[in-house]
Amino acid sequence: MKTNITVTPPETKDISKMIENHKKEIKRKTLNISELAKVLGISKDKARRLTHSKDFPVIILGVSRLTIISKLDEWLENNIGSELI
């Protein structure tokens, strides 16, 4: 019986590690819908609708909507008194 062994070149491992680190960095700078809902004390449905508001600081990656943490306070301040959802 023959056993197949796959050897991954070191360059591939380095690239995979870089990609994983980049994903962690993006995650640290953003909030997903559930996290946004928890931070604002609203339901996930309301958080989802909020991310569709005009000028909301969101990045859309496929079906994921990620709120940019560094821009959230500014957006909230600019919308004081506005009826959003």
Foldseek 3Di string as FASTA:
>chain_A
DDDDDDDDDPVVVVVVVVVVVVVVVVPVQWDWLVRQCVVVVHDSVVSVQLLVFPPFQWDDDPPTIIHGPVCHVVVCVVQVPPDRD
